[in-house]
Amino acid sequence: MKLQQLRYIWEVAHHDLNVSATAQSLYTSQPGISKQVRLLEDELGVEIFARSGKHLTRVTPAGEAILQKAGEILRKVESIKQVAQEYSNEKKGSLSIATTHTQARYALPEVIQSFIGDYPDVSLHMHQGTPMQISELAADGTVDFAIATEALDLFSDLVMMPCYQWNRAILVPKNHPLANVGKLTLEDVANYPIVTYVFGFTGRSKLDEAFLSKGLAPKVVFTAADADVIKTYVRLGLGIGIVANLAYDEKKDTDLVSIDASHLFKPSVTKIGFRRGTFLRSFMYEFIEKFAPHLTREVVNQAYSCSTKAELDELFDNITIPEVKPVSIPEIEKDTLVVS
């Protein structure tokens, strides 16, 4: 059994069983991958992939178990490389982050700009997706960090730490009746068509819970994963927008009125998570602290040592989680930030 063979079966499984695409991503030949997969299966005495002719059709039950172990081995190999890189050059390497549009667009720009200024030799890779996709990417070791509000709690093998708490704003055009209401009620909001996040995104669950507790059935006419898309359809008059308050930019959204809705909904908490067993390099600690200053290296190590969710909750019960406010998004020079 060779490490290369384990990498091949892992990559094939994560390229939708497309051997040709896998070969392209690994800069090798399709026949070479197919041969090594067959050799591994012959050695193990089981099929990892079921086939129809020359095409792979699915992962077998045995293959599922083998792939799980292969993933663990490959992650340990990557950790060994990280250890070596830390001691050979602590300011050089790569950092991959999975997050949502709201975090990427509104919470992270200044953090990333500052981080790249301090660590120009660290290549930074950003993946965007749904909270579930983000959590899965961190759980299987594809990315180093997951940053999201929803879904992270579903993965027990992630170390999750609260970064900041936030609430919502109601966005309406300047001539909208709600723009002149003193203090909104949920009944006021429920009287109008609503444009907001897809369920499972950016604290949407807290919004639904608030209406349900009042026995209200809001008319959600349009949902999107992207706050900027939501604002576009508010401008078109499709409905009133409910977004994270940090997604309102005072300088760029001058045609919209932002109405505080923090008294209507429970606050949400954005968290950063990484997989247990991850070797955290110095610049990874730095990134976490830039994003959430209360998450110092000491606190992160304490969180890492917690073996249960109850222990983790107790740790952060004694730490003040800051509340984020809307800020204007900085204009970042084109040559300053390169994120793939």
C-alpha atoms as a PDB file:
ATOM      1  CA  MET A   1       0.000   0.000   0.000  1.00  0.00           C
ATOM      2  CA  LYS A   2       1.365   3.367  -1.032  1.00  0.00           C
ATOM      3  CA  LEU A   3       0.529   6.849   0.211  1.00  0.00           C
ATOM      4  CA  GLN A   4       0.057   7.866  -3.429  1.00  0.00           C
ATOM      5  CA  GLN A   5      -2.665   5.237  -3.840  1.00  0.00           C
ATOM      6  CA  LEU A   6      -4.545   6.574  -0.816  1.00  0.00           C
ATOM      7  CA  ARG A   7      -4.341  10.070  -2.246  1.00  0.00           C
ATOM      8  CA  TYR A   8      -5.651   8.846  -5.600  1.00  0.00           C
ATOM      9  CA  ILE A   9      -8.721   7.111  -4.150  1.00  0.00           C
ATOM     10  CA  TRP A  10      -9.436  10.124  -1.929  1.00  0.00           C
ATOM     11  CA  GLU A  11      -9.232  12.555  -4.829  1.00  0.00           C
ATOM     12  CA  VAL A  12     -11.304  10.333  -7.133  1.00  0.00           C
ATOM     13  CA  ALA A  13     -14.039  10.164  -4.496  1.00  0.00           C
ATOM     14  CA  HIS A  14     -13.951  13.948  -4.151  1.00  0.00           C
ATOM     15  CA  HIS A  15     -14.105  14.556  -7.892  1.00  0.00           C
ATOM     16  CA  ASP A  16     -17.484  12.798  -8.280  1.00  0.00           C
ATOM     17  CA  LEU A  17     -15.713   9.578  -9.379  1.00  0.00           C
ATOM     18  CA  ASN A  18     -14.412  11.371 -12.461  1.00  0.00           C
ATOM     19  CA  VAL A  19     -10.940   9.895 -13.027  1.00  0.00           C
ATOM     20  CA  SER A  20     -10.178  12.281 -15.881  1.00  0.00           C
ATOM     21  CA  ALA A  21     -10.903  15.353 -13.728  1.00  0.00           C
ATOM     22  CA  THR A  22      -8.866  13.830 -10.902  1.00  0.00           C
ATOM     23  CA  ALA A  23      -5.911  13.280 -13.223  1.00  0.00           C
ATOM     24  CA  GLN A  24      -6.061  16.914 -14.367  1.00  0.00           C
ATOM     25  CA  SER A  25      -6.156  18.214 -10.798  1.00  0.00           C
ATOM     26  CA  LEU A  26      -3.162  16.060  -9.821  1.00  0.00           C
ATOM     27  CA  TYR A  27      -1.214  16.736 -13.034  1.00  0.00           C
ATOM     28  CA  THR A  28      -0.922  13.045 -13.850  1.00  0.00           C
ATOM     29  CA  SER A  29      -2.418  10.574 -16.317  1.00  0.00           C
ATOM     30  CA  GLN A  30      -5.835   8.947 -16.167  1.00  0.00           C
ATOM     31  CA  PRO A  31      -4.467   5.422 -16.893  1.00  0.00           C
ATOM     32  CA  GLY A  32      -1.906   5.876 -14.111  1.00  0.00           C
ATOM     33  CA  ILE A  33      -4.598   6.642 -11.546  1.00  0.00           C
ATOM     34  CA  SER A  34      -6.818   3.780 -12.717  1.00  0.00           C
ATOM     35  CA  LYS A  35      -3.899   1.350 -12.497  1.00  0.00           C
ATOM     36  CA  GLN A  36      -2.966   2.403  -8.962  1.00  0.00           C
ATOM     37  CA  VAL A  37      -6.578   2.188  -7.768  1.00  0.00           C
ATOM     38  CA  ARG A  38      -6.811  -1.353  -9.181  1.00  0.00           C
ATOM     39  CA  LEU A  39      -3.512  -2.357  -7.567  1.00  0.00           C
ATOM     40  CA  LEU A  40      -4.752  -1.114  -4.198  1.00  0.00           C
ATOM     41  CA  GLU A  41      -8.046  -2.964  -4.561  1.00  0.00           C
ATOM     42  CA  ASP A  42      -6.174  -6.157  -5.522  1.00  0.00           C
ATOM     43  CA  GLU A  43      -3.924  -5.815  -2.487  1.00  0.00           C
ATOM     44  CA  LEU A  44      -6.851  -5.231  -0.124  1.00  0.00           C
ATOM     45  CA  GLY A  45      -9.034  -7.880  -1.720  1.00  0.00           C
ATOM     46  CA  VAL A  46     -12.114  -5.625  -1.965  1.00  0.00           C
ATOM     47  CA  GLU A  47     -13.522  -3.151  -4.459  1.00  0.00           C
ATOM     48  CA  ILE A  48     -13.382   0.461  -3.355  1.00  0.00           C
ATOM     49  CA  PHE A  49     -15.433   1.647  -6.335  1.00  0.00           C
ATOM     50  CA  ALA A  50     -18.246  -0.162  -8.156  1.00  0.00           C
ATOM     51  CA  ARG A  51     -17.984  -0.046 -11.945  1.00  0.00           C
ATOM     52  CA  SER A  52     -20.082  -0.178 -15.049  1.00  0.00           C
ATOM     53  CA  GLY A  53     -17.695  -0.970 -17.879  1.00  0.00           C
ATOM     54  CA  LYS A  54     -14.803   1.451 -17.560  1.00  0.00           C
ATOM     55  CA  HIS A  55     -16.800   3.982 -15.532  1.00  0.00           C
ATOM     56  CA  LEU A  56     -16.883   4.249 -11.752  1.00  0.00           C
ATOM     57  CA  THR A  57     -20.492   4.380 -10.550  1.00  0.00           C
ATOM     58  CA  ARG A  58     -20.395   4.548  -6.760  1.00  0.00           C
ATOM     59  CA  VAL A  59     -18.298   4.003  -3.654  1.00  0.00           C
ATOM     60  CA  THR A  60     -18.816   0.541  -2.175  1.00  0.00           C
ATOM     61  CA  PRO A  61     -19.569   0.053   1.558  1.00  0.00           C
ATOM     62  CA  ALA A  62     -16.018  -1.234   2.024  1.00  0.00           C
ATOM     63  CA  GLY A  63     -14.797   1.738   0.025  1.00  0.00           C
ATOM     64  CA  GLU A  64     -16.594   4.156   2.367  1.00  0.00           C
ATOM     65  CA  ALA A  65     -14.737   2.717   5.368  1.00  0.00           C
ATOM     66  CA  ILE A  66     -11.410   2.683   3.515  1.00  0.00           C
ATOM     67  CA  LEU A  67     -11.851   6.285   2.348  1.00  0.00           C
ATOM     68  CA  GLN A  68     -12.546   7.415   5.883  1.00  0.00           C
ATOM     69  CA  LYS A  69      -9.261   5.894   7.062  1.00  0.00           C
ATOM     70  CA  ALA A  70      -7.442   7.230   4.008  1.00  0.00           C
ATOM     71  CA  GLY A  71      -8.664  10.726   4.821  1.00  0.00           C
ATOM     72  CA  GLU A  72      -7.377  10.438   8.380  1.00  0.00           C
ATOM     73  CA  ILE A  73      -3.972   9.289   7.136  1.00  0.00           C
ATOM     74  CA  LEU A  74      -3.712  12.070   4.553  1.00  0.00           C
ATOM     75  CA  ARG A  75      -4.634  14.682   7.163  1.00  0.00           C
ATOM     76  CA  LYS A  76      -1.909  13.350   9.481  1.00  0.00           C
ATOM     77  CA  VAL A  77       0.570  13.548   6.606  1.00  0.00           C
ATOM     78  CA  GLU A  78      -0.474  17.155   5.999  1.00  0.00           C
ATOM     79  CA  SER A  79       0.000  17.906   9.701  1.00  0.00           C
ATOM     80  CA  ILE A  80       3.541  16.511   9.530  1.00  0.00           C
ATOM     81  CA  LYS A  81       4.248  18.835   6.606  1.00  0.00           C
ATOM     82  CA  GLN A  82       2.788  21.764   8.558  1.00  0.00           C
ATOM     83  CA  VAL A  83       5.051  21.011  11.516  1.00  0.00           C
ATOM     84  CA  ALA A  84       8.092  20.934   9.240  1.00  0.00           C
ATOM     85  CA  GLN A  85       7.083  24.190   7.527  1.00  0.00           C
ATOM     86  CA  GLU A  86       6.527  25.889  10.886  1.00  0.00           C
ATOM     87  CA  TYR A  87      10.097  25.177  11.917  1.00  0.00           C
ATOM     88  CA  SER A  88      11.672  25.851   8.525  1.00  0.00           C
ATOM     89  CA  ASN A  89       9.808  29.111   7.800  1.00  0.00           C
ATOM     90  CA  GLU A  90       7.078  30.183  10.205  1.00  0.00           C
ATOM     91  CA  LYS A  91       5.833  32.930   7.888  1.00  0.00           C
ATOM     92  CA  LYS A  92       5.430  30.856   4.737  1.00  0.00           C
ATOM     93  CA  GLY A  93       2.654  28.416   3.876  1.00  0.00           C
ATOM     94  CA  SER A  94      -1.021  28.371   2.974  1.00  0.00           C
ATOM     95  CA  LEU A  95      -4.285  29.024   4.759  1.00  0.00           C
ATOM     96  CA  SER A  96      -7.694  27.966   3.462  1.00  0.00           C
ATOM     97  CA  ILE A  97     -10.982  29.339   4.746  1.00  0.00           C
ATOM     98  CA  ALA A  98     -14.545  28.323   3.988  1.00  0.00           C
ATOM     99  CA  THR A  99     -17.235  30.894   4.692  1.00  0.00           C
ATOM    100  CA  THR A 100     -20.479  32.488   3.531  1.00  0.00           C
ATOM    101  CA  HIS A 101     -20.959  35.517   1.326  1.00  0.00           C
ATOM    102  CA  THR A 102     -21.871  37.743   4.275  1.00  0.00           C
ATOM    103  CA  GLN A 103     -18.639  36.947   6.114  1.00  0.00           C
ATOM    104  CA  ALA A 104     -16.511  37.186   2.959  1.00  0.00           C
ATOM    105  CA  ARG A 105     -18.029  40.494   1.880  1.00  0.00           C
ATOM    106  CA  TYR A 106     -18.624  42.317   5.155  1.00  0.00           C
ATOM    107  CA  ALA A 107     -16.694  40.788   8.057  1.00  0.00           C
ATOM    108  CA  LEU A 108     -13.404  39.623   6.545  1.00  0.00           C
ATOM    109  CA  PRO A 109     -11.983  42.249   4.117  1.00  0.00           C
ATOM    110  CA  GLU A 110     -10.045  44.294   6.687  1.00  0.00           C
ATOM    111  CA  VAL A 111      -8.874  41.151   8.477  1.00  0.00           C
ATOM    112  CA  ILE A 112      -7.585  39.592   5.270  1.00  0.00           C
ATOM    113  CA  GLN A 113      -5.967  42.818   4.104  1.00  0.00           C
ATOM    114  CA  SER A 114      -4.119  43.123   7.420  1.00  0.00           C
ATOM    115  CA  PHE A 115      -3.168  39.435   7.459  1.00  0.00           C
ATOM    116  CA  ILE A 116      -1.705  39.503   3.958  1.00  0.00           C
ATOM    117  CA  GLY A 117       0.229  42.638   4.882  1.00  0.00           C
ATOM    118  CA  ASP A 118       1.811  40.754   7.781  1.00  0.00           C
ATOM    119  CA  TYR A 119       2.212  37.430   5.971  1.00  0.00           C
ATOM    120  CA  PRO A 120       2.853  38.112   2.265  1.00  0.00           C
ATOM    121  CA  ASP A 121       4.295  34.624   1.770  1.00  0.00           C
ATOM    122  CA  VAL A 122       1.189  32.834   3.011  1.00  0.00           C
ATOM    123  CA  SER A 123      -1.166  31.969   0.156  1.00  0.00           C
ATOM    124  CA  LEU A 124      -4.760  32.479   1.239  1.00  0.00           C
ATOM    125  CA  HIS A 125      -7.613  30.516  -0.323  1.00  0.00           C
ATOM    126  CA  MET A 126     -11.264  31.316   0.270  1.00  0.00           C
ATOM    127  CA  HIS A 127     -14.134  28.905  -0.438  1.00  0.00           C
ATOM    128  CA  GLN A 128     -17.717  30.132  -0.318  1.00  0.00           C
ATOM    129  CA  GLY A 129     -20.736  27.927   0.174  1.00  0.00           C
ATOM    130  CA  THR A 130     -23.687  27.055   2.345  1.00  0.00           C
ATOM    131  CA  PRO A 131     -23.078  26.694   6.098  1.00  0.00           C
ATOM    132  CA  MET A 132     -23.452  22.922   5.733  1.00  0.00           C
ATOM    133  CA  GLN A 133     -20.914  22.801   2.886  1.00  0.00           C
ATOM    134  CA  ILE A 134     -18.558  25.007   4.877  1.00  0.00           C
ATOM    135  CA  SER A 135     -18.760  22.756   7.924  1.00  0.00           C
ATOM    136  CA  GLU A 136     -18.181  19.646   5.821  1.00  0.00           C
ATOM    137  CA  LEU A 137     -15.105  21.206   4.193  1.00  0.00           C
ATOM    138  CA  ALA A 138     -13.592  21.819   7.623  1.00  0.00           C
ATOM    139  CA  ALA A 139     -14.665  18.440   8.990  1.00  0.00           C
ATOM    140  CA  ASP A 140     -13.016  16.492   6.159  1.00  0.00           C
ATOM    141  CA  GLY A 141      -9.847  18.584   6.245  1.00  0.00           C
ATOM    142  CA  THR A 142     -10.316  20.307   2.880  1.00  0.00           C
ATOM    143  CA  VAL A 143     -10.010  23.717   4.554  1.00  0.00           C
ATOM    144  CA  ASP A 144      -8.286  24.886   7.723  1.00  0.00           C
ATOM    145  CA  PHE A 145     -11.059  27.110   9.082  1.00  0.00           C
ATOM    146  CA  ALA A 146     -14.826  27.301   8.735  1.00  0.00           C
ATOM    147  CA  ILE A 147     -16.491  30.633   9.517  1.00  0.00           C
ATOM    148  CA  ALA A 148     -20.284  30.624   9.688  1.00  0.00           C
ATOM    149  CA  THR A 149     -23.310  31.237  11.872  1.00  0.00           C
ATOM    150  CA  GLU A 150     -25.335  28.124  11.119  1.00  0.00           C
ATOM    151  CA  ALA A 151     -24.550  24.375  10.935  1.00  0.00           C
ATOM    152  CA  LEU A 152     -21.160  24.279  12.709  1.00  0.00           C
ATOM    153  CA  ASP A 153     -22.767  22.773  15.814  1.00  0.00           C
ATOM    154  CA  LEU A 154     -23.767  19.709  13.801  1.00  0.00           C
ATOM    155  CA  PHE A 155     -20.164  18.532  13.508  1.00  0.00           C
ATOM    156  CA  SER A 156     -18.782  17.132  16.760  1.00  0.00           C
ATOM    157  CA  ASP A 157     -15.237  16.815  15.406  1.00  0.00           C
ATOM    158  CA  LEU A 158     -14.928  20.587  14.946  1.00  0.00           C
ATOM    159  CA  VAL A 159     -13.537  22.872  17.647  1.00  0.00           C
ATOM    160  CA  MET A 160     -15.939  25.822  17.477  1.00  0.00           C
ATOM    161  CA  MET A 161     -15.251  29.214  19.002  1.00  0.00           C
ATOM    162  CA  PRO A 162     -17.554  32.257  19.096  1.00  0.00           C
ATOM    163  CA  CYS A 163     -16.179  35.281  17.235  1.00  0.00           C
ATOM    164  CA  TYR A 164     -18.873  37.934  17.549  1.00  0.00           C
ATOM    165  CA  GLN A 165     -22.587  38.347  18.023  1.00  0.00           C
ATOM    166  CA  TRP A 166     -24.806  40.332  15.717  1.00  0.00           C
ATOM    167  CA  ASN A 167     -28.428  41.060  14.960  1.00  0.00           C
ATOM    168  CA  ARG A 168     -30.582  42.165  12.072  1.00  0.00           C
ATOM    169  CA  ALA A 169     -31.709  45.247  10.240  1.00  0.00           C
ATOM    170  CA  ILE A 170     -34.817  45.899   8.176  1.00  0.00           C
ATOM    171  CA  LEU A 171     -33.963  47.505   4.837  1.00  0.00           C
ATOM    172  CA  VAL A 172     -36.542  49.577   2.969  1.00  0.00           C
ATOM    173  CA  PRO A 173     -36.482  52.240   0.239  1.00  0.00           C
ATOM    174  CA  LYS A 174     -36.547  55.823   1.552  1.00  0.00           C
ATOM    175  CA  ASN A 175     -40.196  56.359   0.602  1.00  0.00           C
ATOM    176  CA  HIS A 176     -41.434  53.169   2.298  1.00  0.00           C
ATOM    177  CA  PRO A 177     -44.068  53.525   5.103  1.00  0.00           C
ATOM    178  CA  LEU A 178     -41.849  51.666   7.586  1.00  0.00           C
ATOM    179  CA  ALA A 179     -39.094  54.246   7.147  1.00  0.00           C
ATOM    180  CA  ASN A 180     -41.054  56.626   9.366  1.00  0.00           C
ATOM    181  CA  VAL A 181     -42.178  54.158  12.047  1.00  0.00           C
ATOM    182  CA  GLY A 182     -40.721  54.965  15.456  1.00  0.00           C
ATOM    183  CA  LYS A 183     -40.150  51.466  16.857  1.00  0.00           C
ATOM    184  CA  LEU A 184     -40.969  48.470  14.729  1.00  0.00           C
ATOM    185  CA  THR A 185     -42.988  45.511  15.911  1.00  0.00           C
ATOM    186  CA  LEU A 186     -43.006  42.044  14.403  1.00  0.00           C
ATOM    187  CA  GLU A 187     -46.608  42.712  13.396  1.00  0.00           C
ATOM    188  CA  ASP A 188     -45.412  45.733  11.388  1.00  0.00           C
ATOM    189  CA  VAL A 189     -42.844  43.592   9.604  1.00  0.00           C
ATOM    190  CA  ALA A 190     -45.302  40.740   8.934  1.00  0.00           C
ATOM    191  CA  ASN A 191     -47.636  43.143   7.111  1.00  0.00           C
ATOM    192  CA  TYR A 192     -45.234  43.407   4.164  1.00  0.00           C
ATOM    193  CA  PRO A 193     -43.673  40.918   1.725  1.00  0.00           C
ATOM    194  CA  ILE A 194     -40.229  39.907   2.970  1.00  0.00           C
ATOM    195  CA  VAL A 195     -36.952  39.350   1.143  1.00  0.00           C
ATOM    196  CA  THR A 196     -34.368  37.548   3.277  1.00  0.00           C
ATOM    197  CA  TYR A 197     -31.857  34.727   3.559  1.00  0.00           C
ATOM    198  CA  VAL A 198     -32.386  31.149   2.483  1.00  0.00           C
ATOM    199  CA  PHE A 199     -33.116  28.930   5.470  1.00  0.00           C
ATOM    200  CA  GLY A 200     -29.851  27.707   6.980  1.00  0.00           C
ATOM    201  CA  PHE A 201     -27.970  30.895   6.089  1.00  0.00           C
ATOM    202  CA  THR A 202     -26.811  33.763   8.280  1.00  0.00           C
ATOM    203  CA  GLY A 203     -28.957  33.179  11.327  1.00  0.00           C
ATOM    204  CA  ARG A 204     -32.177  32.677   9.382  1.00  0.00           C
ATOM    205  CA  SER A 205     -33.376  30.223  12.051  1.00  0.00           C
ATOM    206  CA  LYS A 206     -33.551  33.028  14.664  1.00  0.00           C
ATOM    207  CA  LEU A 207     -35.802  35.023  12.333  1.00  0.00           C
ATOM    208  CA  ASP A 208     -38.228  32.134  11.861  1.00  0.00           C
ATOM    209  CA  GLU A 209     -38.289  31.430  15.595  1.00  0.00           C
ATOM    210  CA  ALA A 210     -39.281  35.028  16.388  1.00  0.00           C
ATOM    211  CA  PHE A 211     -42.304  35.013  14.062  1.00  0.00           C
ATOM    212  CA  LEU A 212     -43.362  31.566  15.233  1.00  0.00           C
ATOM    213  CA  SER A 213     -43.276  32.631  18.899  1.00  0.00           C
ATOM    214  CA  LYS A 214     -45.759  35.419  18.089  1.00  0.00           C
ATOM    215  CA  GLY A 215     -48.007  33.172  16.025  1.00  0.00           C
ATOM    216  CA  LEU A 216     -47.225  35.164  12.890  1.00  0.00           C
ATOM    217  CA  ALA A 217     -46.867  33.781   9.372  1.00  0.00           C
ATOM    218  CA  PRO A 218     -44.578  36.176   7.468  1.00  0.00           C
ATOM    219  CA  LYS A 219     -44.918  36.343   3.710  1.00  0.00           C
ATOM    220  CA  VAL A 220     -41.409  35.520   2.494  1.00  0.00           C
ATOM    221  CA  VAL A 221     -41.567  36.156  -1.240  1.00  0.00           C
ATOM    222  CA  PHE A 222     -37.893  35.814  -2.134  1.00  0.00           C
ATOM    223  CA  THR A 223     -34.818  34.264  -0.504  1.00  0.00           C
ATOM    224  CA  ALA A 224     -31.135  34.395  -1.371  1.00  0.00           C
ATOM    225  CA  ALA A 225     -27.811  33.429   0.167  1.00  0.00           C
ATOM    226  CA  ASP A 226     -26.268  36.790  -0.725  1.00  0.00           C
ATOM    227  CA  ALA A 227     -27.081  40.013   1.176  1.00  0.00           C
ATOM    228  CA  ASP A 228     -26.240  42.093  -1.898  1.00  0.00           C
ATOM    229  CA  VAL A 229     -28.803  40.138  -3.928  1.00  0.00           C
ATOM    230  CA  ILE A 230     -31.394  40.740  -1.207  1.00  0.00           C
ATOM    231  CA  LYS A 231     -30.702  44.482  -1.353  1.00  0.00           C
ATOM    232  CA  THR A 232     -31.080  44.438  -5.136  1.00  0.00           C
ATOM    233  CA  TYR A 233     -34.612  43.034  -4.882  1.00  0.00           C
ATOM    234  CA  VAL A 234     -35.539  45.423  -2.090  1.00  0.00           C
ATOM    235  CA  ARG A 235     -34.571  48.236  -4.467  1.00  0.00           C
ATOM    236  CA  LEU A 236     -36.853  46.694  -7.098  1.00  0.00           C
ATOM    237  CA  GLY A 237     -39.767  46.902  -4.678  1.00  0.00           C
ATOM    238  CA  LEU A 238     -40.209  43.155  -4.242  1.00  0.00           C
ATOM    239  CA  GLY A 239     -40.438  43.479  -0.469  1.00  0.00           C
ATOM    240  CA  ILE A 240     -38.707  44.669   2.677  1.00  0.00           C
ATOM    241  CA  GLY A 241     -35.300  43.158   3.378  1.00  0.00           C
ATOM    242  CA  ILE A 242     -34.176  41.446   6.561  1.00  0.00           C
ATOM    243  CA  VAL A 243     -30.402  41.095   6.621  1.00  0.00           C
ATOM    244  CA  ALA A 244     -27.509  40.948   9.059  1.00  0.00           C
ATOM    245  CA  ASN A 245     -26.963  44.473  10.356  1.00  0.00           C
ATOM    246  CA  LEU A 246     -23.312  44.372   9.277  1.00  0.00           C
ATOM    247  CA  ALA A 247     -24.477  43.948   5.658  1.00  0.00           C
ATOM    248  CA  TYR A 248     -25.673  47.577   5.485  1.00  0.00           C
ATOM    249  CA  ASP A 249     -23.033  49.954   4.154  1.00  0.00           C
ATOM    250  CA  GLU A 250     -23.800  53.567   5.054  1.00  0.00           C
ATOM    251  CA  LYS A 251     -21.657  54.896   2.197  1.00  0.00           C
ATOM    252  CA  LYS A 252     -22.924  52.613  -0.577  1.00  0.00           C
ATOM    253  CA  ASP A 253     -26.518  51.903   0.445  1.00  0.00           C
ATOM    254  CA  THR A 254     -27.618  55.532   0.629  1.00  0.00           C
ATOM    255  CA  ASP A 255     -30.834  54.789  -1.273  1.00  0.00           C
ATOM    256  CA  LEU A 256     -31.980  52.418   1.473  1.00  0.00           C
ATOM    257  CA  VAL A 257     -33.025  53.039   5.059  1.00  0.00           C
ATOM    258  CA  SER A 258     -31.706  50.638   7.690  1.00  0.00           C
ATOM    259  CA  ILE A 259     -34.033  50.145  10.656  1.00  0.00           C
ATOM    260  CA  ASP A 260     -32.685  48.504  13.778  1.00  0.00           C
ATOM    261  CA  ALA A 261     -34.415  45.182  14.469  1.00  0.00           C
ATOM    262  CA  SER A 262     -32.300  43.961  17.383  1.00  0.00           C
ATOM    263  CA  HIS A 263     -35.314  44.200  19.727  1.00  0.00           C
ATOM    264  CA  LEU A 264     -37.306  41.859  17.486  1.00  0.00           C
ATOM    265  CA  PHE A 265     -34.900  38.945  17.130  1.00  0.00           C
ATOM    266  CA  LYS A 266     -32.486  37.067  19.360  1.00  0.00           C
ATOM    267  CA  PRO A 267     -28.849  37.771  18.511  1.00  0.00           C
ATOM    268  CA  SER A 268     -26.863  35.263  16.470  1.00  0.00           C
ATOM    269  CA  VAL A 269     -23.239  34.268  16.989  1.00  0.00           C
ATOM    270  CA  THR A 270     -20.733  33.762  14.211  1.00  0.00           C
ATOM    271  CA  LYS A 271     -18.160  31.082  14.980  1.00  0.00           C
ATOM    272  CA  ILE A 272     -14.860  29.899  13.632  1.00  0.00           C
ATOM    273  CA  GLY A 273     -14.168  26.175  13.655  1.00  0.00           C
ATOM    274  CA  PHE A 274     -11.312  23.851  12.813  1.00  0.00           C
ATOM    275  CA  ARG A 275     -11.000  20.088  12.813  1.00  0.00           C
ATOM    276  CA  ARG A 276      -9.668  18.315  15.881  1.00  0.00           C
ATOM    277  CA  GLY A 277      -6.151  17.119  15.161  1.00  0.00           C
ATOM    278  CA  THR A 278      -5.288  20.197  13.077  1.00  0.00           C
ATOM    279  CA  PHE A 279      -1.786  21.485  13.675  1.00  0.00           C
ATOM    280  CA  LEU A 280      -2.188  25.234  14.104  1.00  0.00           C
ATOM    281  CA  ARG A 281       0.729  27.186  12.759  1.00  0.00           C
ATOM    282  CA  SER A 282       1.691  30.559  14.225  1.00  0.00           C
ATOM    283  CA  PHE A 283       0.066  32.497  11.394  1.00  0.00           C
ATOM    284  CA  MET A 284      -3.167  30.535  11.913  1.00  0.00           C
ATOM    285  CA  TYR A 285      -3.318  31.734  15.513  1.00  0.00           C
ATOM    286  CA  GLU A 286      -2.640  35.241  14.212  1.00  0.00           C
ATOM    287  CA  PHE A 287      -5.492  35.040  11.731  1.00  0.00           C
ATOM    288  CA  ILE A 288      -7.954  33.884  14.382  1.00  0.00           C
ATOM    289  CA  GLU A 289      -6.955  36.702  16.727  1.00  0.00           C
ATOM    290  CA  LYS A 290      -7.192  39.323  13.982  1.00  0.00           C
ATOM    291  CA  PHE A 291     -10.738  38.161  13.244  1.00  0.00           C
ATOM    292  CA  ALA A 292     -11.734  37.807  16.906  1.00  0.00           C
ATOM    293  CA  PRO A 293      -9.316  39.613  19.268  1.00  0.00           C
ATOM    294  CA  HIS A 294     -10.622  37.756  22.333  1.00  0.00           C
ATOM    295  CA  LEU A 295      -9.524  34.454  20.753  1.00  0.00           C
ATOM    296  CA  THR A 296      -5.887  34.672  21.786  1.00  0.00           C
ATOM    297  CA  ARG A 297      -3.487  31.769  21.370  1.00  0.00           C
ATOM    298  CA  GLU A 298      -4.068  30.868  25.036  1.00  0.00           C
ATOM    299  CA  VAL A 299      -7.851  30.835  24.640  1.00  0.00           C
ATOM    300  CA  VAL A 300      -7.661  28.821  21.403  1.00  0.00           C
ATOM    301  CA  ASN A 301      -5.452  26.234  23.111  1.00  0.00           C
ATOM    302  CA  GLN A 302      -7.886  26.042  26.032  1.00  0.00           C
ATOM    303  CA  ALA A 303     -10.751  25.506  23.563  1.00  0.00           C
ATOM    304  CA  TYR A 304      -8.729  22.815  21.797  1.00  0.00           C
ATOM    305  CA  SER A 305      -8.228  20.959  25.075  1.00  0.00           C
ATOM    306  CA  CYS A 306     -11.969  20.875  25.841  1.00  0.00           C
ATOM    307  CA  SER A 307     -13.252  17.359  25.270  1.00  0.00           C
ATOM    308  CA  THR A 308     -16.990  18.107  25.414  1.00  0.00           C
ATOM    309  CA  LYS A 309     -19.340  20.844  24.227  1.00  0.00           C
ATOM    310  CA  ALA A 310     -20.255  21.538  27.864  1.00  0.00           C
ATOM    311  CA  GLU A 311     -16.601  22.285  28.665  1.00  0.00           C
ATOM    312  CA  LEU A 312     -16.345  24.551  25.627  1.00  0.00           C
ATOM    313  CA  ASP A 313     -19.524  26.425  26.591  1.00  0.00           C
ATOM    314  CA  GLU A 314     -18.223  26.875  30.140  1.00  0.00           C
ATOM    315  CA  LEU A 315     -14.967  28.319  28.824  1.00  0.00           C
ATOM    316  CA  PHE A 316     -16.747  30.969  26.759  1.00  0.00           C
ATOM    317  CA  ASP A 317     -19.300  31.748  29.465  1.00  0.00           C
ATOM    318  CA  ASN A 318     -16.437  33.609  31.152  1.00  0.00           C
ATOM    319  CA  ILE A 319     -15.346  35.485  28.024  1.00  0.00           C
ATOM    320  CA  THR A 320     -17.204  38.506  26.675  1.00  0.00           C
ATOM    321  CA  ILE A 321     -18.219  37.971  23.053  1.00  0.00           C
ATOM    322  CA  PRO A 322     -18.185  41.343  21.265  1.00  0.00           C
ATOM    323  CA  GLU A 323     -21.141  42.681  19.311  1.00  0.00           C
ATOM    324  CA  VAL A 324     -20.443  43.719  15.755  1.00  0.00           C
ATOM    325  CA  LYS A 325     -21.845  46.931  14.291  1.00  0.00           C
ATOM    326  CA  PRO A 326     -22.342  47.959  10.656  1.00  0.00           C
ATOM    327  CA  VAL A 327     -19.213  49.465   9.132  1.00  0.00           C
ATOM    328  CA  SER A 328     -18.349  50.897   5.738  1.00  0.00           C
ATOM    329  CA  ILE A 329     -16.467  48.394   3.613  1.00  0.00           C
ATOM    330  CA  PRO A 330     -12.945  49.670   2.919  1.00  0.00           C
ATOM    331  CA  GLU A 331     -11.855  50.279  -0.624  1.00  0.00           C
ATOM    332  CA  ILE A 332      -9.057  47.724  -1.081  1.00  0.00           C
ATOM    333  CA  GLU A 333      -6.464  48.473  -3.733  1.00  0.00           C
ATOM    334  CA  LYS A 334      -6.489  45.939  -6.558  1.00  0.00           C
ATOM    335  CA  ASP A 335      -2.863  44.962  -6.061  1.00  0.00           C
ATOM    336  CA  THR A 336      -3.221  44.518  -2.306  1.00  0.00           C
ATOM    337  CA  LEU A 337      -5.487  41.504  -1.992  1.00  0.00           C
ATOM    338  CA  VAL A 338      -5.241  38.251  -3.874  1.00  0.00           C
ATOM    339  CA  VAL A 339      -7.608  35.527  -2.710  1.00  0.00           C
ATOM    340  CA  SER A 340      -8.337  32.405  -4.734  1.00  0.00           C
END
